[in-house]
Amino acid sequence: MTQIWREKRRDVFLLNERVILIVMLAVVWSGFLDGPLTLLNDAVWDLLDLGTGYIDQIAYSMYYASIGTVI
């Protein structure tokens, strides 16, 4: 009896896996994720800019100091 139950659970899992795969492919191919992914991508780049913005200031300061310019 347990073997039959395991086989049924496995069949249901494989069916669910197949349905999820088809739905995900349809969502990706249709372009529904373009908007949300663009927003997330922009947010990540903004966070990276905030976290590394001081590196630009250091690089510019070193450059101007090396050529003798006072800002």
N, C-alpha and C. Protein backbone atom coordinates (compact mmCIF):
# COMPACT_ATOMS: atom_id res chain seq x y z
N MET A 1 0.83 -1.20 0.00
CA MET A 1 0.00 0.00 0.00
C MET A 1 0.86 1.25 0.00
N THR A 2 1.93 1.25 0.73
CA THR A 2 2.79 2.44 0.77
C THR A 2 3.47 2.66 -0.57
N GLN A 3 3.80 1.58 -1.25
CA GLN A 3 4.46 1.71 -2.56
C GLN A 3 3.52 2.39 -3.55
N ILE A 4 2.27 2.01 -3.53
CA ILE A 4 1.29 2.63 -4.44
C ILE A 4 1.14 4.11 -4.11
N TRP A 5 1.09 4.43 -2.82
CA TRP A 5 0.96 5.83 -2.39
C TRP A 5 2.17 6.64 -2.84
N ARG A 6 3.36 6.06 -2.74
CA ARG A 6 4.57 6.76 -3.18
C ARG A 6 4.54 7.02 -4.68
N GLU A 7 4.09 6.04 -5.44
CA GLU A 7 4.01 6.21 -6.88
C GLU A 7 3.00 7.29 -7.25
N LYS A 8 1.88 7.34 -6.55
CA LYS A 8 0.88 8.38 -6.83
C LYS A 8 1.43 9.76 -6.49
N ARG A 9 2.13 9.86 -5.34
CA ARG A 9 2.73 11.15 -4.98
C ARG A 9 3.75 11.58 -6.01
N ARG A 10 4.54 10.62 -6.49
CA ARG A 10 5.56 10.92 -7.50
C ARG A 10 4.90 11.39 -8.79
N ASP A 11 3.81 10.73 -9.20
CA ASP A 11 3.10 11.13 -10.41
C ASP A 11 2.53 12.55 -10.28
N VAL A 12 1.97 12.85 -9.12
CA VAL A 12 1.42 14.19 -8.89
C VAL A 12 2.55 15.22 -8.91
N PHE A 13 3.68 14.89 -8.31
CA PHE A 13 4.82 15.81 -8.30
C PHE A 13 5.31 16.07 -9.72
N LEU A 14 5.43 15.02 -10.53
CA LEU A 14 5.89 15.19 -11.90
C LEU A 14 4.90 16.03 -12.72
N LEU A 15 3.61 15.83 -12.49
CA LEU A 15 2.60 16.62 -13.19
C LEU A 15 2.72 18.08 -12.77
N ASN A 16 2.84 18.34 -11.46
CA ASN A 16 2.98 19.71 -10.99
C ASN A 16 4.25 20.35 -11.53
N GLU A 17 5.33 19.58 -11.57
CA GLU A 17 6.59 20.10 -12.09
C GLU A 17 6.44 20.50 -13.56
N ARG A 18 5.77 19.68 -14.33
CA ARG A 18 5.56 19.96 -15.74
C ARG A 18 4.69 21.21 -15.92
N VAL A 19 3.64 21.33 -15.13
CA VAL A 19 2.76 22.50 -15.23
C VAL A 19 3.52 23.77 -14.85
N ILE A 20 4.30 23.72 -13.79
CA ILE A 20 5.08 24.89 -13.37
C ILE A 20 6.07 25.28 -14.45
N LEU A 21 6.72 24.31 -15.07
CA LEU A 21 7.68 24.60 -16.14
C LEU A 21 6.98 25.27 -17.32
N ILE A 22 5.84 24.76 -17.71
CA ILE A 22 5.10 25.35 -18.84
C ILE A 22 4.66 26.77 -18.52
N VAL A 23 4.17 26.99 -17.30
CA VAL A 23 3.74 28.33 -16.91
C VAL A 23 4.92 29.30 -16.90
N MET A 24 6.06 28.86 -16.35
CA MET A 24 7.24 29.73 -16.32
C MET A 24 7.73 30.06 -17.72
N LEU A 25 7.75 29.08 -18.60
CA LEU A 25 8.16 29.35 -19.98
C LEU A 25 7.20 30.33 -20.66
N ALA A 26 5.91 30.17 -20.43
CA ALA A 26 4.93 31.09 -21.02
C ALA A 26 5.12 32.51 -20.50
N VAL A 27 5.40 32.63 -19.20
CA VAL A 27 5.60 33.96 -18.61
C VAL A 27 6.86 34.61 -19.17
N VAL A 28 7.92 33.84 -19.30
CA VAL A 28 9.17 34.39 -19.82
C VAL A 28 9.04 34.76 -21.29
N TRP A 29 8.47 33.88 -22.08
CA TRP A 29 8.36 34.15 -23.51
C TRP A 29 7.37 35.26 -23.83
N SER A 30 6.36 35.44 -23.02
CA SER A 30 5.36 36.47 -23.30
C SER A 30 5.84 37.86 -22.94
N GLY A 31 6.85 37.97 -22.09
CA GLY A 31 7.38 39.28 -21.74
C GLY A 31 6.74 39.90 -20.51
N PHE A 32 5.96 39.15 -19.77
CA PHE A 32 5.32 39.70 -18.57
C PHE A 32 6.34 40.12 -17.52
N LEU A 33 7.51 39.51 -17.53
CA LEU A 33 8.51 39.82 -16.51
C LEU A 33 9.41 41.00 -16.88
N ASP A 34 9.27 41.53 -18.08
CA ASP A 34 10.15 42.62 -18.50
C ASP A 34 10.05 43.84 -17.59
N GLY A 35 8.85 44.24 -17.25
CA GLY A 35 8.66 45.41 -16.40
C GLY A 35 9.22 45.24 -15.00
N PRO A 36 8.79 44.20 -14.28
CA PRO A 36 9.33 44.01 -12.93
C PRO A 36 10.83 43.78 -12.90
N LEU A 37 11.35 43.03 -13.86
CA LEU A 37 12.79 42.78 -13.87
C LEU A 37 13.58 44.05 -14.19
N THR A 38 13.02 44.91 -15.02
CA THR A 38 13.68 46.19 -15.31
C THR A 38 13.74 47.05 -14.05
N LEU A 39 12.65 47.09 -13.30
CA LEU A 39 12.63 47.86 -12.06
C LEU A 39 13.64 47.31 -11.05
N LEU A 40 13.69 45.99 -10.92
CA LEU A 40 14.65 45.38 -10.00
C LEU A 40 16.09 45.63 -10.45
N ASN A 41 16.33 45.56 -11.74
CA ASN A 41 17.66 45.82 -12.27
C ASN A 41 18.09 47.26 -11.97
N ASP A 42 17.19 48.21 -12.19
CA ASP A 42 17.49 49.62 -11.90
C ASP A 42 17.76 49.83 -10.41
N ALA A 43 16.98 49.16 -9.57
CA ALA A 43 17.18 49.30 -8.12
C ALA A 43 18.54 48.76 -7.70
N VAL A 44 18.95 47.64 -8.28
CA VAL A 44 20.25 47.07 -7.94
C VAL A 44 21.37 48.00 -8.38
N TRP A 45 21.26 48.56 -9.58
CA TRP A 45 22.30 49.48 -10.05
C TRP A 45 22.35 50.75 -9.20
N ASP A 46 21.20 51.23 -8.77
CA ASP A 46 21.18 52.40 -7.88
C ASP A 46 21.87 52.10 -6.56
N LEU A 47 21.60 50.92 -6.00
CA LEU A 47 22.27 50.54 -4.76
C LEU A 47 23.78 50.40 -4.96
N LEU A 48 24.20 49.86 -6.08
CA LEU A 48 25.63 49.75 -6.36
C LEU A 48 26.26 51.13 -6.51
N ASP A 49 25.55 52.04 -7.15
CA ASP A 49 26.06 53.41 -7.27
C ASP A 49 26.21 54.07 -5.91
N LEU A 50 25.22 53.87 -5.04
CA LEU A 50 25.30 54.45 -3.70
C LEU A 50 26.45 53.86 -2.90
N GLY A 51 26.67 52.57 -3.08
CA GLY A 51 27.71 51.90 -2.30
C GLY A 51 29.12 52.15 -2.78
N THR A 52 29.27 52.53 -4.04
CA THR A 52 30.62 52.69 -4.59
C THR A 52 30.87 54.10 -5.11
N GLY A 53 29.99 55.04 -4.82
CA GLY A 53 30.15 56.41 -5.32
C GLY A 53 31.39 57.10 -4.79
N TYR A 54 31.81 56.73 -3.59
CA TYR A 54 32.99 57.38 -3.00
C TYR A 54 34.26 57.01 -3.76
N ILE A 55 34.27 55.89 -4.47
CA ILE A 55 35.46 55.49 -5.22
C ILE A 55 35.72 56.48 -6.35
N ASP A 56 34.67 56.98 -6.98
CA ASP A 56 34.84 57.99 -8.02
C ASP A 56 35.47 59.25 -7.45
N GLN A 57 35.00 59.68 -6.29
CA GLN A 57 35.56 60.89 -5.67
C GLN A 57 37.04 60.71 -5.34
N ILE A 58 37.41 59.55 -4.84
CA ILE A 58 38.81 59.28 -4.52
C ILE A 58 39.64 59.29 -5.80
N ALA A 59 39.14 58.64 -6.85
CA ALA A 59 39.89 58.57 -8.11
C ALA A 59 40.06 59.96 -8.71
N TYR A 60 39.01 60.78 -8.71
CA TYR A 60 39.12 62.14 -9.24
C TYR A 60 40.09 62.97 -8.40
N SER A 61 40.03 62.83 -7.08
CA SER A 61 40.94 63.58 -6.23
C SER A 61 42.39 63.19 -6.49
N MET A 62 42.64 61.92 -6.66
CA MET A 62 44.01 61.47 -6.95
C MET A 62 44.47 61.98 -8.31
N TYR A 63 43.57 61.96 -9.27
CA TYR A 63 43.93 62.45 -10.61
C TYR A 63 44.26 63.93 -10.58
N TYR A 64 43.39 64.72 -9.97
CA TYR A 64 43.63 66.16 -9.92
C TYR A 64 44.85 66.49 -9.07
N ALA A 65 45.10 65.72 -8.04
CA ALA A 65 46.29 65.95 -7.23
C ALA A 65 47.56 65.62 -8.02
N SER A 66 47.48 64.61 -8.87
CA SER A 66 48.67 64.21 -9.63
C SER A 66 49.02 65.23 -10.71
N ILE A 67 48.02 65.96 -11.21
CA ILE A 67 48.32 66.98 -12.22
C ILE A 67 48.48 68.36 -11.60
N GLY A 68 48.35 68.44 -10.29
CA GLY A 68 48.60 69.68 -9.59
C GLY A 68 47.44 70.66 -9.58
N THR A 69 46.25 70.21 -9.83
CA THR A 69 45.08 71.08 -9.85
C THR A 69 44.47 71.14 -8.45
N VAL A 70 44.08 72.33 -8.05
CA VAL A 70 43.39 72.50 -6.78
C VAL A 70 41.92 72.72 -7.08
N ILE A 71 41.11 71.91 -6.42
CA ILE A 71 39.67 72.03 -6.67
C ILE A 71 39.05 72.92 -5.62
